[in-house]
PDB file of all heavy atoms in Angstrom:
ATOM      1  N   VAL A   1       0.854  -1.200   0.009  1.00  0.00           N
ATOM      2  CA  VAL A   1       0.002  -0.006   0.009  1.00  0.00           C
ATOM      3  C   VAL A   1       0.867   1.244  -0.005  1.00  0.00           C
ATOM      4  O   VAL A   1       0.628   2.190  -0.751  1.00  0.00           O
ATOM      5  CB  VAL A   1      -0.960  -0.001   1.212  1.00  0.00           C
ATOM      6  CG1 VAL A   1      -1.628   1.360   1.350  1.00  0.00           C
ATOM      7  CG2 VAL A   1      -2.020  -1.100   1.049  1.00  0.00           C
ATOM      8  N   GLU A   2       1.898   1.259   0.822  1.00  0.00           N
ATOM      9  CA  GLU A   2       2.826   2.396   0.859  1.00  0.00           C
ATOM     10  C   GLU A   2       3.515   2.583  -0.472  1.00  0.00           C
ATOM     11  O   GLU A   2       3.691   3.719  -0.951  1.00  0.00           O
ATOM     12  CB  GLU A   2       3.848   2.210   1.971  1.00  0.00           C
ATOM     13  CG  GLU A   2       3.300   2.359   3.384  1.00  0.00           C
ATOM     14  CD  GLU A   2       2.492   1.130   3.855  1.00  0.00           C
ATOM     15  OE1 GLU A   2       2.598   0.069   3.204  1.00  0.00           O
ATOM     16  OE2 GLU A   2       1.777   1.268   4.866  1.00  0.00           O
ATOM     17  N   LYS A   3       3.928   1.481  -1.119  1.00  0.00           N
ATOM     18  CA  LYS A   3       4.578   1.583  -2.419  1.00  0.00           C
ATOM     19  C   LYS A   3       3.621   2.171  -3.460  1.00  0.00           C
ATOM     20  O   LYS A   3       4.024   2.958  -4.321  1.00  0.00           O
ATOM     21  CB  LYS A   3       5.039   0.185  -2.877  1.00  0.00           C
ATOM     22  CG  LYS A   3       6.205  -0.372  -2.074  1.00  0.00           C
ATOM     23  CD  LYS A   3       6.593  -1.741  -2.589  1.00  0.00           C
ATOM     24  CE  LYS A   3       7.794  -2.280  -1.811  1.00  0.00           C
ATOM     25  NZ  LYS A   3       8.160  -3.671  -2.268  1.00  0.00           N
ATOM     26  N   THR A   4       2.345   1.752  -3.379  1.00  0.00           N
ATOM     27  CA  THR A   4       1.355   2.243  -4.324  1.00  0.00           C
ATOM     28  C   THR A   4       1.126   3.760  -4.141  1.00  0.00           C
ATOM     29  O   THR A   4       1.010   4.506  -5.118  1.00  0.00           O
ATOM     30  CB  THR A   4       0.020   1.502  -4.157  1.00  0.00           C
ATOM     31  OG1 THR A   4       0.264   0.092  -4.340  1.00  0.00           O
ATOM     32  CG2 THR A   4      -1.040   1.964  -5.157  1.00  0.00           C
ATOM     33  N   ILE A   5       1.063   4.178  -2.911  1.00  0.00           N
ATOM     34  CA  ILE A   5       0.898   5.622  -2.629  1.00  0.00           C
ATOM     35  C   ILE A   5       2.049   6.419  -3.211  1.00  0.00           C
ATOM     36  O   ILE A   5       1.862   7.496  -3.778  1.00  0.00           O
ATOM     37  CB  ILE A   5       0.763   5.864  -1.109  1.00  0.00           C
ATOM     38  CG1 ILE A   5      -0.528   5.226  -0.590  1.00  0.00           C
ATOM     39  CG2 ILE A   5       0.767   7.353  -0.796  1.00  0.00           C
ATOM     40  CD1 ILE A   5      -0.599   5.111   0.912  1.00  0.00           C
ATOM     41  N   SER A   6       3.266   5.870  -3.122  1.00  0.00           N
ATOM     42  CA  SER A   6       4.430   6.543  -3.700  1.00  0.00           C
ATOM     43  C   SER A   6       4.294   6.670  -5.204  1.00  0.00           C
ATOM     44  O   SER A   6       4.684   7.704  -5.785  1.00  0.00           O
ATOM     45  CB  SER A   6       5.704   5.754  -3.357  1.00  0.00           C
ATOM     46  OG  SER A   6       5.945   5.763  -1.955  1.00  0.00           O
ATOM     47  N   ILE A   7       3.738   5.656  -5.848  1.00  0.00           N
ATOM     48  CA  ILE A   7       3.513   5.731  -7.293  1.00  0.00           C
ATOM     49  C   ILE A   7       2.492   6.811  -7.622  1.00  0.00           C
ATOM     50  O   ILE A   7       2.686   7.621  -8.541  1.00  0.00           O
ATOM     51  CB  ILE A   7       3.086   4.360  -7.840  1.00  0.00           C
ATOM     52  CG1 ILE A   7       4.189   3.339  -7.675  1.00  0.00           C
ATOM     53  CG2 ILE A   7       2.664   4.494  -9.312  1.00  0.00           C
ATOM     54  CD1 ILE A   7       3.792   1.920  -8.036  1.00  0.00           C
ATOM     55  N   ILE A   8       1.404   6.825  -6.860  1.00  0.00           N
ATOM     56  CA  ILE A   8       0.357   7.833  -7.081  1.00  0.00           C
ATOM     57  C   ILE A   8       0.941   9.235  -6.916  1.00  0.00           C
ATOM     58  O   ILE A   8       0.655  10.153  -7.686  1.00  0.00           O
ATOM     59  CB  ILE A   8      -0.814   7.621  -6.127  1.00  0.00           C
ATOM     60  CG1 ILE A   8      -1.514   6.292  -6.379  1.00  0.00           C
ATOM     61  CG2 ILE A   8      -1.827   8.790  -6.247  1.00  0.00           C
ATOM     62  CD1 ILE A   8      -2.194   6.163  -7.712  1.00  0.00           C
ATOM     63  N   ASP A   9       1.796   9.387  -5.936  1.00  0.00           N
ATOM     64  CA  ASP A   9       2.428  10.683  -5.680  1.00  0.00           C
ATOM     65  C   ASP A   9       3.352  11.126  -6.818  1.00  0.00           C
ATOM     66  O   ASP A   9       3.676  12.317  -6.940  1.00  0.00           O
ATOM     67  CB  ASP A   9       3.198  10.675  -4.368  1.00  0.00           C
ATOM     68  CG  ASP A   9       2.267  10.703  -3.135  1.00  0.00           C
ATOM     69  OD1 ASP A   9       1.106  11.115  -3.299  1.00  0.00           O
ATOM     70  OD2 ASP A   9       2.717  10.294  -2.060  1.00  0.00           O
ATOM     71  N   SER A  10       3.781  10.190  -7.636  1.00  0.00           N
ATOM     72  CA  SER A  10       4.705  10.507  -8.735  1.00  0.00           C
ATOM     73  C   SER A  10       4.015  10.766 -10.066  1.00  0.00           C
ATOM     74  O   SER A  10       4.660  11.215 -11.025  1.00  0.00           O
ATOM     75  CB  SER A  10       5.719   9.379  -8.887  1.00  0.00           C
ATOM     76  OG  SER A  10       5.096   8.221  -9.471  1.00  0.00           O
ATOM     77  N   LEU A  11       2.704  10.478 -10.136  1.00  0.00           N
ATOM     78  CA  LEU A  11       1.994  10.640 -11.391  1.00  0.00           C
ATOM     79  C   LEU A  11       1.777  12.119 -11.705  1.00  0.00           C
ATOM     80  O   LEU A  11       1.714  12.963 -10.803  1.00  0.00           O
ATOM     81  CB  LEU A  11       0.629   9.929 -11.326  1.00  0.00           C
ATOM     82  CG  LEU A  11       0.690   8.400 -11.194  1.00  0.00           C
ATOM     83  CD1 LEU A  11      -0.725   7.828 -11.029  1.00  0.00           C
ATOM     84  CD2 LEU A  11       1.369   7.777 -12.404  1.00  0.00           C
ATOM     85  N   PRO A  12       1.674  12.483 -12.992  1.00  0.00           N
ATOM     86  CA  PRO A  12       1.444  13.880 -13.360  1.00  0.00           C
ATOM     87  C   PRO A  12       0.226  14.457 -12.626  1.00  0.00           C
ATOM     88  O   PRO A  12      -0.813  13.796 -12.532  1.00  0.00           O
ATOM     89  CB  PRO A  12       1.220  13.799 -14.872  1.00  0.00           C
ATOM     90  CG  PRO A  12       1.951  12.576 -15.308  1.00  0.00           C
ATOM     91  CD  PRO A  12       1.793  11.594 -14.176  1.00  0.00           C
ATOM     92  N   TYR A  13       0.391  15.661 -12.106  1.00  0.00           N
ATOM     93  CA  TYR A  13      -0.645  16.286 -11.265  1.00  0.00           C
ATOM     94  C   TYR A  13      -2.012  16.316 -11.926  1.00  0.00           C
ATOM     95  O   TYR A  13      -3.021  15.998 -11.304  1.00  0.00           O
ATOM     96  CB  TYR A  13      -0.203  17.699 -10.891  1.00  0.00           C
ATOM     97  CG  TYR A  13      -1.129  18.392  -9.915  1.00  0.00           C
ATOM     98  CD1 TYR A  13      -0.899  18.308  -8.536  1.00  0.00           C
ATOM     99  CD2 TYR A  13      -2.248  19.106 -10.345  1.00  0.00           C
ATOM    100  CE1 TYR A  13      -1.750  18.931  -7.635  1.00  0.00           C
ATOM    101  CE2 TYR A  13      -3.101  19.740  -9.437  1.00  0.00           C
ATOM    102  CZ  TYR A  13      -2.841  19.637  -8.087  1.00  0.00           C
ATOM    103  OH  TYR A  13      -3.685  20.268  -7.195  1.00  0.00           O
ATOM    104  N   ASP A  14      -2.041  16.665 -13.207  1.00  0.00           N
ATOM    105  CA  ASP A  14      -3.320  16.842 -13.898  1.00  0.00           C
ATOM    106  C   ASP A  14      -3.827  15.589 -14.591  1.00  0.00           C
ATOM    107  O   ASP A  14      -4.822  15.642 -15.322  1.00  0.00           O
ATOM    108  CB  ASP A  14      -3.179  17.961 -14.939  1.00  0.00           C
ATOM    109  CG  ASP A  14      -3.040  19.337 -14.280  1.00  0.00           C
ATOM    110  OD1 ASP A  14      -3.602  19.544 -13.198  1.00  0.00           O
ATOM    111  OD2 ASP A  14      -2.314  20.153 -14.843  1.00  0.00           O
ATOM    112  N   SER A  15      -3.176  14.431 -14.394  1.00  0.00           N
ATOM    113  CA  SER A  15      -3.596  13.226 -15.096  1.00  0.00           C
ATOM    114  C   SER A  15      -4.738  12.537 -14.380  1.00  0.00           C
ATOM    115  O   SER A  15      -4.973  12.728 -13.193  1.00  0.00           O
ATOM    116  CB  SER A  15      -2.397  12.270 -15.229  1.00  0.00           C
ATOM    117  OG  SER A  15      -1.923  11.869 -13.959  1.00  0.00           O
ATOM    118  N   THR A  16      -5.469  11.735 -15.140  1.00  0.00           N
ATOM    119  CA  THR A  16      -6.568  10.919 -14.620  1.00  0.00           C
ATOM    120  C   THR A  16      -6.431   9.511 -15.239  1.00  0.00           C
ATOM    121  O   THR A  16      -5.381   9.185 -15.807  1.00  0.00           O
ATOM    122  CB  THR A  16      -7.923  11.537 -15.011  1.00  0.00           C
ATOM    123  OG1 THR A  16      -7.985  11.705 -16.447  1.00  0.00           O
ATOM    124  CG2 THR A  16      -8.124  12.883 -14.340  1.00  0.00           C
ATOM    125  N   SER A  17      -7.462   8.721 -15.156  1.00  0.00           N
ATOM    126  CA  SER A  17      -7.443   7.400 -15.739  1.00  0.00           C
ATOM    127  C   SER A  17      -8.539   7.269 -16.797  1.00  0.00           C
ATOM    128  O   SER A  17      -9.435   8.103 -16.859  1.00  0.00           O
ATOM    129  CB  SER A  17      -7.626   6.324 -14.679  1.00  0.00           C
ATOM    130  OG  SER A  17      -8.986   6.293 -14.287  1.00  0.00           O
ATOM    131  N   SER A  18      -8.494   6.209 -17.574  1.00  0.00           N
ATOM    132  CA  SER A  18      -9.514   6.014 -18.613  1.00  0.00           C
ATOM    133  C   SER A  18     -10.888   5.810 -17.968  1.00  0.00           C
ATOM    134  O   SER A  18     -11.906   6.315 -18.478  1.00  0.00           O
ATOM    135  CB  SER A  18      -9.163   4.821 -19.507  1.00  0.00           C
ATOM    136  OG  SER A  18      -9.015   3.615 -18.745  1.00  0.00           O
ATOM    137  N   LEU A  19     -10.955   5.059 -16.859  1.00  0.00           N
ATOM    138  CA  LEU A  19     -12.240   4.861 -16.199  1.00  0.00           C
ATOM    139  C   LEU A  19     -12.802   6.196 -15.731  1.00  0.00           C
ATOM    140  O   LEU A  19     -13.992   6.502 -15.909  1.00  0.00           O
ATOM    141  CB  LEU A  19     -12.106   3.917 -15.005  1.00  0.00           C
ATOM    142  CG  LEU A  19     -13.400   3.650 -14.219  1.00  0.00           C
ATOM    143  CD1 LEU A  19     -13.436   2.204 -13.685  1.00  0.00           C
ATOM    144  CD2 LEU A  19     -13.621   4.609 -13.065  1.00  0.00           C
ATOM    145  N   THR A  20     -11.965   7.003 -15.129  1.00  0.00           N
ATOM    146  CA  THR A  20     -12.388   8.317 -14.637  1.00  0.00           C
ATOM    147  C   THR A  20     -12.959   9.149 -15.793  1.00  0.00           C
ATOM    148  O   THR A  20     -14.070   9.716 -15.657  1.00  0.00           O
ATOM    149  CB  THR A  20     -11.201   9.068 -14.016  1.00  0.00           C
ATOM    150  OG1 THR A  20     -10.594   8.258 -13.015  1.00  0.00           O
ATOM    151  CG2 THR A  20     -11.628  10.376 -13.394  1.00  0.00           C
ATOM    152  N   ARG A  21     -12.257   9.204 -16.885  1.00  0.00           N
ATOM    153  CA  ARG A  21     -12.721  10.000 -18.048  1.00  0.00           C
ATOM    154  C   ARG A  21     -14.006   9.432 -18.636  1.00  0.00           C
ATOM    155  O   ARG A  21     -14.903  10.189 -19.027  1.00  0.00           O
ATOM    156  CB  ARG A  21     -11.622  10.075 -19.091  1.00  0.00           C
ATOM    157  CG  ARG A  21     -10.365  10.810 -18.637  1.00  0.00           C
ATOM    158  CD  ARG A  21      -9.398  11.059 -19.778  1.00  0.00           C
ATOM    159  NE  ARG A  21      -8.824   9.815 -20.302  1.00  0.00           N
ATOM    160  CZ  ARG A  21      -7.744   9.227 -19.824  1.00  0.00           C
ATOM    161  NH1 ARG A  21      -7.100   9.744 -18.769  1.00  0.00           N
ATOM    162  NH2 ARG A  21      -7.282   8.117 -20.373  1.00  0.00           N
ATOM    163  N   ASP A  22     -14.126   8.094 -18.652  1.00  0.00           N
ATOM    164  CA  ASP A  22     -15.351   7.498 -19.185  1.00  0.00           C
ATOM    165  C   ASP A  22     -16.568   7.871 -18.341  1.00  0.00           C
ATOM    166  O   ASP A  22     -17.623   8.222 -18.857  1.00  0.00           O
ATOM    167  CB  ASP A  22     -15.209   5.974 -19.224  1.00  0.00           C
ATOM    168  CG  ASP A  22     -14.323   5.485 -20.355  1.00  0.00           C
ATOM    169  OD1 ASP A  22     -14.093   6.254 -21.289  1.00  0.00           O
ATOM    170  OD2 ASP A  22     -13.842   4.348 -20.277  1.00  0.00           O
ATOM    171  N   VAL A  23     -16.410   7.834 -17.009  1.00  0.00           N
ATOM    172  CA  VAL A  23     -17.517   8.197 -16.126  1.00  0.00           C
ATOM    173  C   VAL A  23     -17.909   9.660 -16.328  1.00  0.00           C
ATOM    174  O   VAL A  23     -19.077  10.007 -16.477  1.00  0.00           O
ATOM    175  CB  VAL A  23     -17.168   7.930 -14.652  1.00  0.00           C
ATOM    176  CG1 VAL A  23     -18.258   8.496 -13.725  1.00  0.00           C
ATOM    177  CG2 VAL A  23     -16.995   6.427 -14.407  1.00  0.00           C
ATOM    178  N   TRP A  24     -16.906  10.535 -16.352  1.00  0.00           N
ATOM    179  CA  TRP A  24     -17.169  11.955 -16.528  1.00  0.00           C
ATOM    180  C   TRP A  24     -17.857  12.253 -17.863  1.00  0.00           C
ATOM    181  O   TRP A  24     -18.694  13.160 -17.969  1.00  0.00           O
ATOM    182  CB  TRP A  24     -15.860  12.738 -16.470  1.00  0.00           C
ATOM    183  CG  TRP A  24     -15.258  12.820 -15.099  1.00  0.00           C
ATOM    184  CD1 TRP A  24     -15.827  12.425 -13.921  1.00  0.00           C
ATOM    185  CD2 TRP A  24     -13.956  13.300 -14.752  1.00  0.00           C
ATOM    186  NE1 TRP A  24     -14.962  12.628 -12.868  1.00  0.00           N
ATOM    187  CE2 TRP A  24     -13.805  13.178 -13.347  1.00  0.00           C
ATOM    188  CE3 TRP A  24     -12.903  13.841 -15.515  1.00  0.00           C
ATOM    189  CZ2 TRP A  24     -12.650  13.556 -12.683  1.00  0.00           C
ATOM    190  CZ3 TRP A  24     -11.758  14.210 -14.845  1.00  0.00           C
ATOM    191  CH2 TRP A  24     -11.618  14.077 -13.461  1.00  0.00           C
ATOM    192  N   GLU A  25     -17.515  11.494 -18.903  1.00  0.00           N
ATOM    193  CA  GLU A  25     -18.071  11.732 -20.231  1.00  0.00           C
ATOM    194  C   GLU A  25     -19.352  10.986 -20.504  1.00  0.00           C
ATOM    195  O   GLU A  25     -19.890  11.031 -21.611  1.00  0.00           O
ATOM    196  CB  GLU A  25     -16.992  11.370 -21.291  1.00  0.00           C
ATOM    197  CG  GLU A  25     -15.762  12.261 -21.223  1.00  0.00           C
ATOM    198  CD  GLU A  25     -14.604  11.737 -22.059  1.00  0.00           C
ATOM    199  OE1 GLU A  25     -14.845  10.761 -22.832  1.00  0.00           O
ATOM    200  OE2 GLU A  25     -13.489  12.238 -21.912  1.00  0.00           O
ATOM    201  N   GLY A  26     -19.850  10.280 -19.490  1.00  0.00           N
ATOM    202  CA  GLY A  26     -21.115   9.548 -19.640  1.00  0.00           C
ATOM    203  C   GLY A  26     -21.017   8.313 -20.507  1.00  0.00           C
ATOM    204  O   GLY A  26     -21.999   7.849 -21.060  1.00  0.00           O
ATOM    205  N   LYS A  27     -19.814   7.715 -20.557  1.00  0.00           N
ATOM    206  CA  LYS A  27     -19.606   6.493 -21.344  1.00  0.00           C
ATOM    207  C   LYS A  27     -19.624   5.248 -20.431  1.00  0.00           C
ATOM    208  O   LYS A  27     -19.338   5.380 -19.224  1.00  0.00           O
ATOM    209  CB  LYS A  27     -18.246   6.564 -22.059  1.00  0.00           C
ATOM    210  CG  LYS A  27     -18.091   7.696 -23.056  1.00  0.00           C
ATOM    211  CD  LYS A  27     -16.669   7.690 -23.622  1.00  0.00           C
ATOM    212  CE  LYS A  27     -16.449   8.835 -24.588  1.00  0.00           C
ATOM    213  NZ  LYS A  27     -15.056   8.845 -25.101  1.00  0.00           N
ATOM    214  N   PRO A  28     -19.928   4.090 -20.954  1.00  0.00           N
ATOM    215  CA  PRO A  28     -19.772   2.876 -20.168  1.00  0.00           C
ATOM    216  C   PRO A  28     -18.328   2.736 -19.670  1.00  0.00           C
ATOM    217  O   PRO A  28     -17.379   3.060 -20.403  1.00  0.00           O
ATOM    218  CB  PRO A  28     -20.116   1.752 -21.166  1.00  0.00           C
ATOM    219  CG  PRO A  28     -20.986   2.410 -22.165  1.00  0.00           C
ATOM    220  CD  PRO A  28     -20.446   3.809 -22.305  1.00  0.00           C
ATOM    221  N   SER A  29     -18.166   2.273 -18.441  1.00  0.00           N
ATOM    222  CA  SER A  29     -16.831   2.189 -17.861  1.00  0.00           C
ATOM    223  C   SER A  29     -16.550   0.791 -17.356  1.00  0.00           C
ATOM    224  O   SER A  29     -17.374  -0.118 -17.450  1.00  0.00           O
ATOM    225  CB  SER A  29     -16.726   3.193 -16.679  1.00  0.00           C
ATOM    226  OG  SER A  29     -17.410   2.682 -15.568  1.00  0.00           O
ATOM    227  N   GLU A  30     -15.349   0.626 -16.809  1.00  0.00           N
ATOM    228  CA  GLU A  30     -14.944  -0.677 -16.245  1.00  0.00           C
ATOM    229  C   GLU A  30     -15.195  -0.779 -14.750  1.00  0.00           C
ATOM    230  O   GLU A  30     -14.582  -1.603 -14.103  1.00  0.00           O
ATOM    231  CB  GLU A  30     -13.440  -0.886 -16.519  1.00  0.00           C
ATOM    232  CG  GLU A  30     -13.098  -1.014 -17.982  1.00  0.00           C
ATOM    233  CD  GLU A  30     -11.613  -1.268 -18.234  1.00  0.00           C
ATOM    234  OE1 GLU A  30     -10.785  -0.811 -17.391  1.00  0.00           O
ATOM    235  OE2 GLU A  30     -11.280  -1.885 -19.241  1.00  0.00           O
ATOM    236  N   VAL A  31     -16.103   0.008 -14.213  1.00  0.00           N
ATOM    237  CA  VAL A  31     -16.289   0.046 -12.777  1.00  0.00           C
ATOM    238  C   VAL A  31     -16.683  -1.332 -12.215  1.00  0.00           C
ATOM    239  O   VAL A  31     -16.299  -1.690 -11.104  1.00  0.00           O
ATOM    240  CB  VAL A  31     -17.312   1.139 -12.368  1.00  0.00           C
ATOM    241  CG1 VAL A  31     -18.731   0.784 -12.814  1.00  0.00           C
ATOM    242  CG2 VAL A  31     -17.245   1.404 -10.871  1.00  0.00           C
ATOM    243  N   ASP A  32     -17.427  -2.122 -12.977  1.00  0.00           N
ATOM    244  CA  ASP A  32     -17.796  -3.467 -12.487  1.00  0.00           C
ATOM    245  C   ASP A  32     -16.576  -4.326 -12.352  1.00  0.00           C
ATOM    246  O   ASP A  32     -16.559  -5.266 -11.520  1.00  0.00           O
ATOM    247  CB  ASP A  32     -18.777  -4.121 -13.453  1.00  0.00           C
ATOM    248  CG  ASP A  32     -20.204  -3.653 -13.276  1.00  0.00           C
ATOM    249  OD1 ASP A  32     -20.554  -3.315 -12.124  1.00  0.00           O
ATOM    250  OD2 ASP A  32     -20.960  -3.557 -14.253  1.00  0.00           O
ATOM    251  N   TYR A  33     -15.532  -4.054 -13.144  1.00  0.00           N
ATOM    252  CA  TYR A  33     -14.318  -4.867 -13.143  1.00  0.00           C
ATOM    253  C   TYR A  33     -13.249  -4.282 -12.193  1.00  0.00           C
ATOM    254  O   TYR A  33     -12.190  -4.863 -12.045  1.00  0.00           O
ATOM    255  CB  TYR A  33     -13.761  -5.001 -14.540  1.00  0.00           C
ATOM    256  CG  TYR A  33     -14.597  -5.912 -15.398  1.00  0.00           C
ATOM    257  CD1 TYR A  33     -15.738  -5.463 -16.017  1.00  0.00           C
ATOM    258  CD2 TYR A  33     -14.288  -7.260 -15.512  1.00  0.00           C
ATOM    259  CE1 TYR A  33     -16.553  -6.305 -16.773  1.00  0.00           C
ATOM    260  CE2 TYR A  33     -15.069  -8.130 -16.255  1.00  0.00           C
ATOM    261  CZ  TYR A  33     -16.205  -7.634 -16.891  1.00  0.00           C
ATOM    262  OH  TYR A  33     -16.996  -8.471 -17.635  1.00  0.00           O
ATOM    263  N   GLN A  34     -13.566  -3.162 -11.593  1.00  0.00           N
ATOM    264  CA  GLN A  34     -12.643  -2.562 -10.615  1.00  0.00           C
ATOM    265  C   GLN A  34     -13.335  -2.543  -9.252  1.00  0.00           C
ATOM    266  O   GLN A  34     -13.345  -3.564  -8.578  1.00  0.00           O
ATOM    267  CB  GLN A  34     -12.181  -1.180 -11.117  1.00  0.00           C
ATOM    268  CG  GLN A  34     -11.356  -1.299 -12.415  1.00  0.00           C
ATOM    269  CD  GLN A  34     -10.749  -0.015 -12.885  1.00  0.00           C
ATOM    270  OE1 GLN A  34     -10.445   0.879 -12.113  1.00  0.00           O
ATOM    271  NE2 GLN A  34     -10.552   0.116 -14.187  1.00  0.00           N
ATOM    272  N   ASN A  35     -13.880  -1.442  -8.832  1.00  0.00           N
ATOM    273  CA  ASN A  35     -14.481  -1.374  -7.485  1.00  0.00           C
ATOM    274  C   ASN A  35     -15.627  -2.372  -7.353  1.00  0.00           C
ATOM    275  O   ASN A  35     -15.831  -2.930  -6.263  1.00  0.00           O
ATOM    276  CB  ASN A  35     -14.985   0.037  -7.218  1.00  0.00           C
ATOM    277  CG  ASN A  35     -13.910   1.076  -7.430  1.00  0.00           C
ATOM    278  OD1 ASN A  35     -13.838   1.668  -8.504  1.00  0.00           O
ATOM    279  ND2 ASN A  35     -13.052   1.281  -6.442  1.00  0.00           N
ATOM    280  N   GLY A  36     -16.357  -2.640  -8.426  1.00  0.00           N
ATOM    281  CA  GLY A  36     -17.449  -3.624  -8.363  1.00  0.00           C
ATOM    282  C   GLY A  36     -16.917  -5.011  -8.054  1.00  0.00           C
ATOM    283  O   GLY A  36     -17.550  -5.767  -7.275  1.00  0.00           O
ATOM    284  N   THR A  37     -15.774  -5.358  -8.598  1.00  0.00           N
ATOM    285  CA  THR A  37     -15.174  -6.660  -8.306  1.00  0.00           C
ATOM    286  C   THR A  37     -14.727  -6.729  -6.837  1.00  0.00           C
ATOM    287  O   THR A  37     -14.885  -7.766  -6.176  1.00  0.00           O
ATOM    288  CB  THR A  37     -13.966  -6.899  -9.222  1.00  0.00           C
ATOM    289  OG1 THR A  37     -14.429  -6.989 -10.582  1.00  0.00           O
ATOM    290  CG2 THR A  37     -13.264  -8.211  -8.879  1.00  0.00           C
TER     291      THR A  37
END
């Protein structure tokens, strides 16, 4: 978990993920395969 947080802290400040963009744009997303799982 600590290693993952370090990776998140290194990502570009303004970046997001494909799932995030899909939800914002009203498109079908992979949420069932991520948090849903």
